C-alpha atoms as a PDB file:
ATOM      1  CA  MET A   1       3.452  -1.166  -6.579  1.00  0.00           C
ATOM      2  CA  THR A   2       6.915   0.159  -5.978  1.00  0.00           C
ATOM      3  CA  ASP A   3       7.038   0.613  -2.198  1.00  0.00           C
ATOM      4  CA  TYR A   4       7.024  -2.891  -0.754  1.00  0.00           C
ATOM      5  CA  GLN A   5       8.956  -1.553   2.256  1.00  0.00           C
ATOM      6  CA  GLN A   6       5.769  -0.394   3.922  1.00  0.00           C
ATOM      7  CA  TYR A   7       4.627  -4.041   4.032  1.00  0.00           C
ATOM      8  CA  ILE A   8       7.841  -6.004   4.669  1.00  0.00           C
ATOM      9  CA  GLU A   9      10.095  -5.874   7.714  1.00  0.00           C
ATOM     10  CA  ILE A  10      13.271  -7.644   8.750  1.00  0.00           C
ATOM     11  CA  ARG A  11      13.784  -7.916  12.497  1.00  0.00           C
ATOM     12  CA  ALA A  12      16.378 -10.065  14.230  1.00  0.00           C
ATOM     13  CA  ASP A  13      13.845 -10.971  16.930  1.00  0.00           C
ATOM     14  CA  LYS A  14      11.214 -12.234  14.488  1.00  0.00           C
ATOM     15  CA  ARG A  15      11.569 -15.494  12.535  1.00  0.00           C
ATOM     16  CA  PHE A  16      15.369 -15.353  12.902  1.00  0.00           C
ATOM     17  CA  GLY A  17      15.625 -12.219  10.779  1.00  0.00           C
ATOM     18  CA  GLN A  18      13.628 -13.517   7.826  1.00  0.00           C
ATOM     19  CA  PRO A  19      11.715 -10.880   5.863  1.00  0.00           C
ATOM     20  CA  CYS A  20       8.100 -10.931   7.131  1.00  0.00           C
ATOM     21  CA  ILE A  21       4.857  -9.138   6.492  1.00  0.00           C
ATOM     22  CA  LYS A  22       4.712  -6.312   9.024  1.00  0.00           C
ATOM     23  CA  GLY A  23       2.557  -7.056  12.020  1.00  0.00           C
ATOM     24  CA  THR A  24       2.629 -10.822  11.382  1.00  0.00           C
ATOM     25  CA  ARG A  25       5.013 -13.742  11.657  1.00  0.00           C
ATOM     26  CA  ILE A  26       4.291 -14.725   8.046  1.00  0.00           C
ATOM     27  CA  SER A  27       7.526 -14.644   6.080  1.00  0.00           C
ATOM     28  CA  VAL A  28       8.067 -13.823   2.441  1.00  0.00           C
ATOM     29  CA  ALA A  29       9.361 -17.393   2.078  1.00  0.00           C
ATOM     30  CA  ASP A  30       6.079 -18.731   3.512  1.00  0.00           C
ATOM     31  CA  ILE A  31       4.101 -16.820   0.893  1.00  0.00           C
ATOM     32  CA  LEU A  32       6.387 -17.955  -1.925  1.00  0.00           C
ATOM     33  CA  ALA A  33       6.080 -21.569  -0.765  1.00  0.00           C
ATOM     34  CA  MET A  34       2.284 -21.344  -0.683  1.00  0.00           C
ATOM     35  CA  LEU A  35       2.203 -19.948  -4.211  1.00  0.00           C
ATOM     36  CA  ALA A  36       4.715 -22.537  -5.424  1.00  0.00           C
ATOM     37  CA  SER A  37       2.568 -25.325  -3.956  1.00  0.00           C
ATOM     38  CA  GLY A  38      -0.297 -24.200  -6.169  1.00  0.00           C
ATOM     39  CA  MET A  39      -2.293 -21.982  -3.834  1.00  0.00           C
ATOM     40  CA  ASP A  40      -3.688 -18.856  -5.412  1.00  0.00           C
ATOM     41  CA  THR A  41      -4.079 -15.492  -3.715  1.00  0.00           C
ATOM     42  CA  ALA A  42      -7.708 -16.163  -2.790  1.00  0.00           C
ATOM     43  CA  GLU A  43      -6.781 -19.419  -1.048  1.00  0.00           C
ATOM     44  CA  ILE A  44      -3.956 -17.756   0.880  1.00  0.00           C
ATOM     45  CA  LEU A  45      -6.284 -14.968   1.979  1.00  0.00           C
ATOM     46  CA  GLU A  46      -8.864 -17.527   3.082  1.00  0.00           C
ATOM     47  CA  ASP A  47      -6.284 -19.382   5.199  1.00  0.00           C
ATOM     48  CA  PHE A  48      -4.638 -16.191   6.485  1.00  0.00           C
ATOM     49  CA  PRO A  49      -7.342 -13.521   6.806  1.00  0.00           C
ATOM     50  CA  GLU A  50      -4.858 -11.153   8.458  1.00  0.00           C
ATOM     51  CA  LEU A  51      -3.146 -10.770   5.063  1.00  0.00           C
ATOM     52  CA  THR A  52      -4.219  -8.629   2.137  1.00  0.00           C
ATOM     53  CA  GLY A  53      -3.686  -9.078  -1.571  1.00  0.00           C
ATOM     54  CA  VAL A  54      -1.403  -6.042  -1.556  1.00  0.00           C
ATOM     55  CA  GLN A  55       0.813  -7.677   1.073  1.00  0.00           C
ATOM     56  CA  ILE A  56       1.107 -10.828  -1.044  1.00  0.00           C
ATOM     57  CA  LYS A  57       2.117  -8.721  -4.041  1.00  0.00           C
ATOM     58  CA  ALA A  58       4.608  -6.858  -1.845  1.00  0.00           C
ATOM     59  CA  ALA A  59       6.174 -10.191  -0.865  1.00  0.00           C
ATOM     60  CA  LEU A  60       6.513 -11.134  -4.523  1.00  0.00           C
ATOM     61  CA  LEU A  61       8.048  -7.777  -5.397  1.00  0.00           C
ATOM     62  CA  PHE A  62      10.456  -8.034  -2.450  1.00  0.00           C
ATOM     63  CA  ALA A  63      11.557 -11.497  -3.587  1.00  0.00           C
ATOM     64  CA  ALA A  64      11.922 -10.380  -7.210  1.00  0.00           C
ATOM     65  CA  ARG A  65      14.031  -7.370  -6.270  1.00  0.00           C
ATOM     66  CA  ARG A  66      16.195  -9.447  -3.944  1.00  0.00           C
ATOM     67  CA  GLU A  67      16.711 -12.029  -6.672  1.00  0.00           C
ATOM     68  CA  ASN A  68      17.570  -9.323  -9.165  1.00  0.00           C
ATOM     69  CA  ALA A  69      20.157  -7.905  -6.748  1.00  0.00           C
ATOM     70  CA  LEU A  70      22.028 -11.200  -6.413  1.00  0.00           C
ATOM     71  CA  ARG A  71      25.314 -11.359  -8.229  1.00  0.00           C
ATOM     72  CA  ILE A  72      27.520 -14.368  -8.801  1.00  0.00           C
ATOM     73  CA  ALA A  73      31.033 -13.809  -7.514  1.00  0.00           C
ATOM     74  CA  SER A  74      33.593 -14.462 -10.199  1.00  0.00           C
END
């Protein structure tokens, strides 16, 4: 997957501008927190049936690319 942009949106009027899954109020940070707490994709999909596995992967890719883009000011 290279085009996470079709699944992620950033809108000032939704979740204070946090990146979210399009059409939901579920943020990328929410998905990362669920995964970090030990939930697997199947459990997330069970709790949030409006999501798809592709959207969860898009959130991970978005976060990875954002992390990779960070630079420490020297």
